[in-house]
PDB file of all heavy atoms in Angstrom:
ATOM      1  N   VAL A   1      68.597 -39.952   4.724  1.00  0.00           N
ATOM      2  CA  VAL A   1      68.139 -40.723   3.572  1.00  0.00           C
ATOM      3  C   VAL A   1      67.817 -42.109   4.120  1.00  0.00           C
ATOM      4  O   VAL A   1      68.711 -42.831   4.557  1.00  0.00           O
ATOM      5  CB  VAL A   1      69.214 -40.818   2.473  1.00  0.00           C
ATOM      6  CG1 VAL A   1      68.708 -41.682   1.318  1.00  0.00           C
ATOM      7  CG2 VAL A   1      69.601 -39.432   1.983  1.00  0.00           C
ATOM      8  N   VAL A   2      66.529 -42.469   4.151  1.00  0.00           N
ATOM      9  CA  VAL A   2      66.120 -43.660   4.891  1.00  0.00           C
ATOM     10  C   VAL A   2      65.198 -44.537   4.061  1.00  0.00           C
ATOM     11  O   VAL A   2      64.454 -44.059   3.199  1.00  0.00           O
ATOM     12  CB  VAL A   2      65.391 -43.285   6.204  1.00  0.00           C
ATOM     13  CG1 VAL A   2      66.286 -42.437   7.101  1.00  0.00           C
ATOM     14  CG2 VAL A   2      64.076 -42.554   5.930  1.00  0.00           C
ATOM     15  N   ARG A   3      65.265 -45.825   4.357  1.00  0.00           N
ATOM     16  CA  ARG A   3      64.289 -46.744   3.778  1.00  0.00           C
ATOM     17  C   ARG A   3      62.995 -46.650   4.592  1.00  0.00           C
ATOM     18  O   ARG A   3      63.026 -46.484   5.813  1.00  0.00           O
ATOM     19  CB  ARG A   3      64.824 -48.183   3.795  1.00  0.00           C
ATOM     20  CG  ARG A   3      63.883 -49.146   3.106  1.00  0.00           C
ATOM     21  CD  ARG A   3      64.496 -50.504   2.821  1.00  0.00           C
ATOM     22  NE  ARG A   3      63.470 -51.366   2.279  1.00  0.00           N
ATOM     23  CZ  ARG A   3      62.659 -52.127   3.013  1.00  0.00           C
ATOM     24  NH1 ARG A   3      62.802 -52.168   4.330  1.00  0.00           N
ATOM     25  NH2 ARG A   3      61.730 -52.861   2.452  1.00  0.00           N
ATOM     26  N   GLU A   4      61.860 -46.780   3.926  1.00  0.00           N
ATOM     27  CA  GLU A   4      60.566 -46.626   4.592  1.00  0.00           C
ATOM     28  C   GLU A   4      60.223 -47.897   5.363  1.00  0.00           C
ATOM     29  O   GLU A   4      59.562 -48.798   4.842  1.00  0.00           O
ATOM     30  CB  GLU A   4      59.479 -46.284   3.581  1.00  0.00           C
ATOM     31  CG  GLU A   4      59.642 -44.895   2.992  1.00  0.00           C
ATOM     32  CD  GLU A   4      58.474 -44.500   2.107  1.00  0.00           C
ATOM     33  OE1 GLU A   4      58.030 -45.349   1.308  1.00  0.00           O
ATOM     34  OE2 GLU A   4      58.007 -43.351   2.214  1.00  0.00           O
ATOM     35  N   THR A   5      60.656 -47.936   6.617  1.00  0.00           N
ATOM     36  CA  THR A   5      60.375 -49.083   7.470  1.00  0.00           C
ATOM     37  C   THR A   5      60.425 -48.649   8.927  1.00  0.00           C
ATOM     38  O   THR A   5      61.151 -47.709   9.289  1.00  0.00           O
ATOM     39  CB  THR A   5      61.382 -50.229   7.221  1.00  0.00           C
ATOM     40  OG1 THR A   5      60.995 -51.375   7.972  1.00  0.00           O
ATOM     41  CG2 THR A   5      62.791 -49.828   7.618  1.00  0.00           C
ATOM     42  N   GLY A   6      59.629 -49.313   9.771  1.00  0.00           N
ATOM     43  CA  GLY A   6      59.680 -49.131  11.208  1.00  0.00           C
ATOM     44  C   GLY A   6      59.674 -47.688  11.657  1.00  0.00           C
ATOM     45  O   GLY A   6      58.934 -46.845  11.148  1.00  0.00           O
ATOM     46  N   GLY A   7      60.541 -47.399  12.636  1.00  0.00           N
ATOM     47  CA  GLY A   7      60.583 -46.068  13.209  1.00  0.00           C
ATOM     48  C   GLY A   7      61.067 -44.995  12.269  1.00  0.00           C
ATOM     49  O   GLY A   7      60.851 -43.799  12.518  1.00  0.00           O
ATOM     50  N   LEU A   8      61.698 -45.383  11.152  1.00  0.00           N
ATOM     51  CA  LEU A   8      62.119 -44.386  10.169  1.00  0.00           C
ATOM     52  C   LEU A   8      60.907 -43.734   9.520  1.00  0.00           C
ATOM     53  O   LEU A   8      60.920 -42.539   9.222  1.00  0.00           O
ATOM     54  CB  LEU A   8      63.019 -45.033   9.119  1.00  0.00           C
ATOM     55  CG  LEU A   8      64.283 -45.717   9.661  1.00  0.00           C
ATOM     56  CD1 LEU A   8      65.073 -46.362   8.528  1.00  0.00           C
ATOM     57  CD2 LEU A   8      65.140 -44.732  10.425  1.00  0.00           C
ATOM     58  N   VAL A   9      59.844 -44.516   9.328  1.00  0.00           N
ATOM     59  CA  VAL A   9      58.594 -43.958   8.803  1.00  0.00           C
ATOM     60  C   VAL A   9      57.989 -42.980   9.804  1.00  0.00           C
ATOM     61  O   VAL A   9      57.470 -41.923   9.430  1.00  0.00           O
ATOM     62  CB  VAL A   9      57.589 -45.085   8.497  1.00  0.00           C
ATOM     63  CG1 VAL A   9      56.219 -44.525   8.131  1.00  0.00           C
ATOM     64  CG2 VAL A   9      58.108 -45.975   7.371  1.00  0.00           C
ATOM     65  N   ASP A  10      58.069 -43.330  11.084  1.00  0.00           N
ATOM     66  CA  ASP A  10      57.406 -42.542  12.127  1.00  0.00           C
ATOM     67  C   ASP A  10      58.161 -41.269  12.492  1.00  0.00           C
ATOM     68  O   ASP A  10      57.593 -40.398  13.167  1.00  0.00           O
ATOM     69  CB  ASP A  10      57.231 -43.393  13.393  1.00  0.00           C
ATOM     70  CG  ASP A  10      56.334 -44.596  13.163  1.00  0.00           C
ATOM     71  OD1 ASP A  10      55.381 -44.470  12.365  1.00  0.00           O
ATOM     72  OD2 ASP A  10      56.577 -45.656  13.763  1.00  0.00           O
ATOM     73  N   THR A  11      59.423 -41.145  12.099  1.00  0.00           N
ATOM     74  CA  THR A  11      60.219 -40.011  12.568  1.00  0.00           C
ATOM     75  C   THR A  11      60.741 -39.096  11.469  1.00  0.00           C
ATOM     76  O   THR A  11      61.081 -37.949  11.759  1.00  0.00           O
ATOM     77  CB  THR A  11      61.441 -40.510  13.379  1.00  0.00           C
ATOM     78  OG1 THR A  11      62.190 -41.434  12.579  1.00  0.00           O
ATOM     79  CG2 THR A  11      61.001 -41.188  14.662  1.00  0.00           C
ATOM     80  N   VAL A  12      60.823 -39.559  10.228  1.00  0.00           N
ATOM     81  CA  VAL A  12      61.426 -38.747   9.166  1.00  0.00           C
ATOM     82  C   VAL A  12      60.327 -38.224   8.241  1.00  0.00           C
ATOM     83  O   VAL A  12      59.817 -38.958   7.383  1.00  0.00           O
ATOM     84  CB  VAL A  12      62.458 -39.559   8.359  1.00  0.00           C
ATOM     85  CG1 VAL A  12      63.059 -38.682   7.255  1.00  0.00           C
ATOM     86  CG2 VAL A  12      63.559 -40.079   9.276  1.00  0.00           C
ATOM     87  N   PRO A  13      59.934 -36.953   8.376  1.00  0.00           N
ATOM     88  CA  PRO A  13      58.892 -36.397   7.499  1.00  0.00           C
ATOM     89  C   PRO A  13      59.385 -36.264   6.059  1.00  0.00           C
ATOM     90  O   PRO A  13      60.580 -36.074   5.806  1.00  0.00           O
ATOM     91  CB  PRO A  13      58.620 -35.009   8.107  1.00  0.00           C
ATOM     92  CG  PRO A  13      59.200 -35.059   9.489  1.00  0.00           C
ATOM     93  CD  PRO A  13      60.352 -36.005   9.423  1.00  0.00           C
ATOM     94  N   HIS A  14      58.451 -36.339   5.128  1.00  0.00           N
ATOM     95  CA  HIS A  14      58.798 -36.200   3.710  1.00  0.00           C
ATOM     96  C   HIS A  14      59.408 -34.837   3.409  1.00  0.00           C
ATOM     97  O   HIS A  14      60.210 -34.722   2.467  1.00  0.00           O
ATOM     98  CB  HIS A  14      57.553 -36.409   2.833  1.00  0.00           C
ATOM     99  CG  HIS A  14      57.128 -37.835   2.709  1.00  0.00           C
ATOM    100  ND1 HIS A  14      57.819 -38.751   1.952  1.00  0.00           N
ATOM    101  CD2 HIS A  14      56.077 -38.511   3.254  1.00  0.00           C
ATOM    102  CE1 HIS A  14      57.216 -39.936   2.018  1.00  0.00           C
ATOM    103  NE2 HIS A  14      56.158 -39.818   2.807  1.00  0.00           N
ATOM    104  N   ASP A  15      59.016 -33.800   4.162  1.00  0.00           N
ATOM    105  CA  ASP A  15      59.531 -32.465   3.857  1.00  0.00           C
ATOM    106  C   ASP A  15      60.837 -32.168   4.583  1.00  0.00           C
ATOM    107  O   ASP A  15      61.310 -31.036   4.592  1.00  0.00           O
ATOM    108  CB  ASP A  15      58.489 -31.388   4.177  1.00  0.00           C
ATOM    109  CG  ASP A  15      58.136 -31.308   5.655  1.00  0.00           C
ATOM    110  OD1 ASP A  15      58.545 -32.211   6.424  1.00  0.00           O
ATOM    111  OD2 ASP A  15      57.449 -30.348   6.053  1.00  0.00           O
ATOM    112  N   VAL A  16      61.416 -33.198   5.210  1.00  0.00           N
ATOM    113  CA  VAL A  16      62.733 -33.055   5.847  1.00  0.00           C
ATOM    114  C   VAL A  16      63.734 -33.991   5.173  1.00  0.00           C
ATOM    115  O   VAL A  16      64.725 -33.565   4.587  1.00  0.00           O
ATOM    116  CB  VAL A  16      62.675 -33.335   7.363  1.00  0.00           C
ATOM    117  CG1 VAL A  16      64.083 -33.320   7.968  1.00  0.00           C
ATOM    118  CG2 VAL A  16      61.783 -32.320   8.057  1.00  0.00           C
ATOM    119  N   GLY A  17      63.487 -35.304   5.269  1.00  0.00           N
ATOM    120  CA  GLY A  17      64.426 -36.276   4.739  1.00  0.00           C
ATOM    121  C   GLY A  17      64.017 -36.807   3.374  1.00  0.00           C
ATOM    122  O   GLY A  17      63.089 -36.306   2.724  1.00  0.00           O
ATOM    123  N   PHE A  18      64.722 -37.855   2.951  1.00  0.00           N
ATOM    124  CA  PHE A  18      64.496 -38.481   1.649  1.00  0.00           C
ATOM    125  C   PHE A  18      64.251 -39.968   1.891  1.00  0.00           C
ATOM    126  O   PHE A  18      65.108 -40.663   2.446  1.00  0.00           O
ATOM    127  CB  PHE A  18      65.722 -38.258   0.752  1.00  0.00           C
ATOM    128  CG  PHE A  18      66.046 -36.802   0.560  1.00  0.00           C
ATOM    129  CD1 PHE A  18      66.877 -36.151   1.456  1.00  0.00           C
ATOM    130  CD2 PHE A  18      65.484 -36.083  -0.487  1.00  0.00           C
ATOM    131  CE1 PHE A  18      67.168 -34.800   1.303  1.00  0.00           C
ATOM    132  CE2 PHE A  18      65.767 -34.728  -0.649  1.00  0.00           C
ATOM    133  CZ  PHE A  18      66.620 -34.086   0.254  1.00  0.00           C
ATOM    134  N   ARG A  19      63.073 -40.450   1.494  1.00  0.00           N
ATOM    135  CA  ARG A  19      62.657 -41.807   1.807  1.00  0.00           C
ATOM    136  C   ARG A  19      62.523 -42.635   0.539  1.00  0.00           C
ATOM    137  O   ARG A  19      62.136 -42.136  -0.507  1.00  0.00           O
ATOM    138  CB  ARG A  19      61.329 -41.775   2.566  1.00  0.00           C
ATOM    139  CG  ARG A  19      61.466 -41.172   3.948  1.00  0.00           C
ATOM    140  CD  ARG A  19      60.189 -40.734   4.641  1.00  0.00           C
ATOM    141  NE  ARG A  19      59.030 -41.584   4.471  1.00  0.00           N
ATOM    142  CZ  ARG A  19      57.921 -41.465   5.205  1.00  0.00           C
ATOM    143  NH1 ARG A  19      57.866 -40.562   6.179  1.00  0.00           N
ATOM    144  NH2 ARG A  19      56.882 -42.238   4.983  1.00  0.00           N
ATOM    145  N   PHE A  20      62.853 -43.921   0.666  1.00  0.00           N
ATOM    146  CA  PHE A  20      62.677 -44.842  -0.463  1.00  0.00           C
ATOM    147  C   PHE A  20      62.138 -46.158   0.068  1.00  0.00           C
ATOM    148  O   PHE A  20      62.374 -46.528   1.218  1.00  0.00           O
ATOM    149  CB  PHE A  20      63.991 -45.044  -1.222  1.00  0.00           C
ATOM    150  CG  PHE A  20      65.089 -45.697  -0.428  1.00  0.00           C
ATOM    151  CD1 PHE A  20      65.344 -47.060  -0.534  1.00  0.00           C
ATOM    152  CD2 PHE A  20      65.887 -44.948   0.428  1.00  0.00           C
ATOM    153  CE1 PHE A  20      66.360 -47.669   0.186  1.00  0.00           C
ATOM    154  CE2 PHE A  20      66.917 -45.539   1.162  1.00  0.00           C
ATOM    155  CZ  PHE A  20      67.146 -46.895   1.043  1.00  0.00           C
ATOM    156  N   SER A  21      61.383 -46.863  -0.759  1.00  0.00           N
ATOM    157  CA  SER A  21      60.699 -48.069  -0.295  1.00  0.00           C
ATOM    158  C   SER A  21      61.341 -49.357  -0.776  1.00  0.00           C
ATOM    159  O   SER A  21      61.066 -50.425  -0.231  1.00  0.00           O
ATOM    160  CB  SER A  21      59.231 -48.049  -0.742  1.00  0.00           C
ATOM    161  OG  SER A  21      59.151 -47.969  -2.164  1.00  0.00           O
ATOM    162  N   GLY A  22      62.163 -49.295  -1.793  1.00  0.00           N
ATOM    163  CA  GLY A  22      62.761 -50.503  -2.334  1.00  0.00           C
ATOM    164  C   GLY A  22      63.850 -51.068  -1.443  1.00  0.00           C
ATOM    165  O   GLY A  22      64.166 -50.532  -0.379  1.00  0.00           O
ATOM    166  N   GLU A  23      64.461 -52.156  -1.919  1.00  0.00           N
ATOM    167  CA  GLU A  23      65.460 -52.845  -1.103  1.00  0.00           C
ATOM    168  C   GLU A  23      66.654 -53.250  -1.966  1.00  0.00           C
ATOM    169  O   GLU A  23      67.208 -54.328  -1.830  1.00  0.00           O
ATOM    170  CB  GLU A  23      64.831 -54.081  -0.456  1.00  0.00           C
ATOM    171  CG  GLU A  23      65.564 -54.597   0.763  1.00  0.00           C
ATOM    172  CD  GLU A  23      64.805 -55.708   1.463  1.00  0.00           C
ATOM    173  OE1 GLU A  23      63.583 -55.564   1.702  1.00  0.00           O
ATOM    174  OE2 GLU A  23      65.430 -56.730   1.784  1.00  0.00           O
ATOM    175  N   THR A  24      67.055 -52.325  -2.860  1.00  0.00           N
ATOM    176  CA  THR A  24      68.185 -52.597  -3.730  1.00  0.00           C
ATOM    177  C   THR A  24      69.185 -51.449  -3.642  1.00  0.00           C
ATOM    178  O   THR A  24      68.826 -50.322  -3.255  1.00  0.00           O
ATOM    179  CB  THR A  24      67.745 -52.752  -5.196  1.00  0.00           C
ATOM    180  OG1 THR A  24      67.356 -51.455  -5.707  1.00  0.00           O
ATOM    181  CG2 THR A  24      66.598 -53.741  -5.328  1.00  0.00           C
ATOM    182  N   PRO A  25      70.439 -51.702  -4.028  1.00  0.00           N
ATOM    183  CA  PRO A  25      71.414 -50.604  -4.073  1.00  0.00           C
ATOM    184  C   PRO A  25      70.957 -49.469  -4.975  1.00  0.00           C
ATOM    185  O   PRO A  25      71.202 -48.289  -4.678  1.00  0.00           O
ATOM    186  CB  PRO A  25      72.669 -51.283  -4.618  1.00  0.00           C
ATOM    187  CG  PRO A  25      72.520 -52.722  -4.262  1.00  0.00           C
ATOM    188  CD  PRO A  25      71.055 -53.006  -4.353  1.00  0.00           C
ATOM    189  N   GLY A  26      70.261 -49.805  -6.063  1.00  0.00           N
ATOM    190  CA  GLY A  26      69.771 -48.774  -6.963  1.00  0.00           C
ATOM    191  C   GLY A  26      68.747 -47.870  -6.313  1.00  0.00           C
ATOM    192  O   GLY A  26      68.710 -46.654  -6.576  1.00  0.00           O
ATOM    193  N   ASP A  27      67.893 -48.438  -5.447  1.00  0.00           N
ATOM    194  CA  ASP A  27      66.900 -47.619  -4.741  1.00  0.00           C
ATOM    195  C   ASP A  27      67.588 -46.621  -3.812  1.00  0.00           C
ATOM    196  O   ASP A  27      67.194 -45.451  -3.730  1.00  0.00           O
ATOM    197  CB  ASP A  27      65.960 -48.518  -3.933  1.00  0.00           C
ATOM    198  CG  ASP A  27      65.118 -49.427  -4.813  1.00  0.00           C
ATOM    199  OD1 ASP A  27      64.620 -48.953  -5.856  1.00  0.00           O
ATOM    200  OD2 ASP A  27      64.973 -50.614  -4.461  1.00  0.00           O
ATOM    201  N   LEU A  28      68.609 -47.094  -3.104  1.00  0.00           N
ATOM    202  CA  LEU A  28      69.360 -46.200  -2.225  1.00  0.00           C
ATOM    203  C   LEU A  28      70.067 -45.121  -3.038  1.00  0.00           C
ATOM    204  O   LEU A  28      70.030 -43.934  -2.689  1.00  0.00           O
ATOM    205  CB  LEU A  28      70.372 -47.002  -1.411  1.00  0.00           C
ATOM    206  CG  LEU A  28      71.416 -46.199  -0.622  1.00  0.00           C
ATOM    207  CD1 LEU A  28      70.745 -45.296   0.399  1.00  0.00           C
ATOM    208  CD2 LEU A  28      72.413 -47.135   0.061  1.00  0.00           C
ATOM    209  N   ALA A  29      70.717 -45.521  -4.112  1.00  0.00           N
ATOM    210  CA  ALA A  29      71.443 -44.558  -4.934  1.00  0.00           C
ATOM    211  C   ALA A  29      70.508 -43.500  -5.512  1.00  0.00           C
ATOM    212  O   ALA A  29      70.862 -42.310  -5.578  1.00  0.00           O
ATOM    213  CB  ALA A  29      72.181 -45.287  -6.055  1.00  0.00           C
ATOM    214  N   ALA A  30      69.297 -43.903  -5.905  1.00  0.00           N
ATOM    215  CA  ALA A  30      68.336 -42.948  -6.468  1.00  0.00           C
ATOM    216  C   ALA A  30      67.912 -41.924  -5.430  1.00  0.00           C
ATOM    217  O   ALA A  30      67.790 -40.726  -5.726  1.00  0.00           O
ATOM    218  CB  ALA A  30      67.123 -43.697  -7.019  1.00  0.00           C
ATOM    219  N   ALA A  31      67.672 -42.377  -4.177  1.00  0.00           N
ATOM    220  CA  ALA A  31      67.286 -41.447  -3.120  1.00  0.00           C
ATOM    221  C   ALA A  31      68.425 -40.487  -2.803  1.00  0.00           C
ATOM    222  O   ALA A  31      68.199 -39.288  -2.557  1.00  0.00           O
ATOM    223  CB  ALA A  31      66.884 -42.229  -1.867  1.00  0.00           C
ATOM    224  N   CYS A  32      69.661 -40.998  -2.815  1.00  0.00           N
ATOM    225  CA  CYS A  32      70.817 -40.128  -2.560  1.00  0.00           C
ATOM    226  C   CYS A  32      71.008 -39.134  -3.700  1.00  0.00           C
ATOM    227  O   CYS A  32      71.428 -37.984  -3.487  1.00  0.00           O
ATOM    228  CB  CYS A  32      72.069 -40.967  -2.367  1.00  0.00           C
ATOM    229  SG  CYS A  32      72.092 -41.914  -0.821  1.00  0.00           S
ATOM    230  N   ARG A  33      70.691 -39.568  -4.921  1.00  0.00           N
ATOM    231  CA  ARG A  33      70.773 -38.653  -6.061  1.00  0.00           C
ATOM    232  C   ARG A  33      69.739 -37.543  -5.936  1.00  0.00           C
ATOM    233  O   ARG A  33      70.018 -36.372  -6.226  1.00  0.00           O
ATOM    234  CB  ARG A  33      70.568 -39.433  -7.364  1.00  0.00           C
ATOM    235  CG  ARG A  33      70.696 -38.586  -8.624  1.00  0.00           C
ATOM    236  CD  ARG A  33      72.069 -37.960  -8.734  1.00  0.00           C
ATOM    237  NE  ARG A  33      72.196 -37.133  -9.936  1.00  0.00           N
ATOM    238  CZ  ARG A  33      73.142 -36.235 -10.105  1.00  0.00           C
ATOM    239  NH1 ARG A  33      74.036 -36.033  -9.148  1.00  0.00           N
ATOM    240  NH2 ARG A  33      73.204 -35.520 -11.212  1.00  0.00           N
ATOM    241  N   GLU A  34      68.530 -37.906  -5.481  1.00  0.00           N
ATOM    242  CA  GLU A  34      67.501 -36.884  -5.249  1.00  0.00           C
ATOM    243  C   GLU A  34      67.983 -35.877  -4.205  1.00  0.00           C
ATOM    244  O   GLU A  34      67.804 -34.664  -4.353  1.00  0.00           O
ATOM    245  CB  GLU A  34      66.199 -37.542  -4.778  1.00  0.00           C
ATOM    246  CG  GLU A  34      65.094 -36.548  -4.479  1.00  0.00           C
ATOM    247  CD  GLU A  34      63.890 -37.171  -3.785  1.00  0.00           C
ATOM    248  OE1 GLU A  34      63.871 -38.411  -3.601  1.00  0.00           O
ATOM    249  OE2 GLU A  34      62.980 -36.419  -3.411  1.00  0.00           O
ATOM    250  N   ALA A  35      68.612 -36.395  -3.149  1.00  0.00           N
ATOM    251  CA  ALA A  35      69.135 -35.507  -2.113  1.00  0.00           C
ATOM    252  C   ALA A  35      70.222 -34.590  -2.677  1.00  0.00           C
ATOM    253  O   ALA A  35      70.276 -33.391  -2.354  1.00  0.00           O
ATOM    254  CB  ALA A  35      69.685 -36.335  -0.949  1.00  0.00           C
TER     255      ALA A  35
END
């Protein structure tokens, strides 16, 4: 579960991991909830 930045964009495909673009605890929690 990664934020969309730097090498995380280049290595984590959408059909494998869970990506989020925001920079708040809520953004992280939402991506973890999706997972």
